[in-house]
């Protein structure tokens, strides 16, 4: 920490992240638990990515967005979990000021990308079911790439900028296992009302628009499904739509609880639990949710597993 006596302000060069325990055995246990979560998220999302890449039947806009969602989920867990694991293993709590900036900006970018992709995926399902004859025209490859690439980079940069324009003096302990915007606002020695109002306004506008858009899309979808005389067609439509609704609900509920809940509902235990819920749990569960009822994904995943088994066997590493 560097203190500027002329301006009577304190400039932080490092922060201290949340320590789960000062007992070495519990620190190792936290490392192991986070390692299991991280490996589950990495392996599940990589399988989804490889399944979409190698199975030509999945080269459609819906699965293109699903692959991009898996990529952003990989980014989310890779930005937060490894640093916490490293600190637990090395028995330290330090993160540099620059490292904190990168962690905040990248986490916001990946989280905003998740939100954008999940909203676009609802639009994709609406076009595919309610306007199938124009599906290939509306959801062409160029449009898909543009929509997926438009994930809220400006929002992430803007929120990161106004967060790190705050002054941090005295206490430099972040009450979370990664650099999180609400926790940084708590330890700032300057007024954070503007930042909090900005988060509330943007969060409310974006959340209302995206949630309204998603539920309006599914309102039209379900009205079309209920009119369909084919039971098999209804089941197939529900099997492709229900995972997306589940993933979207999980994401929006956990993120709103973490960022938009009042300060009266804030405590170290609740803050930690909410961070795990929205930063760790969705990337772990999303591949499972999407694979659970989707036969196309299940078949593609099985093909990928068999392909890797053949590669391992031909390389001479198969011990069985």
Foldseek 3Di string as FASTA:
>chain_A
DDADPVVRFDAFFKFFEADPDLDLVVLVVVLVVLVVLLVLLVVLLVLLLQLCVPDPVNPDLLSVLVNLLSVLLNQLSVLFRVVLSVCSVVVGGMDTPVSQLVSQLSNVQSLQLNLQSLLVSLVLLLCCQVPVVCNCVVSPPVVSVVSSVVRPNVVSVVLSVVLVVFTADDHRYQLESGNDSVSSCVRTPDDCPVSLVVCVVVVVVSVVVSVVSNVVSVVSNVVSLVPDPDPVVSLLSCLQVVLSVVLNVQQSVLVCCQRVDDPVPDDSVVNHVSCCSNRRPSSSCSSVSNCVRNVSSVVSSVVVVVVVVVVCVVVVNDPD
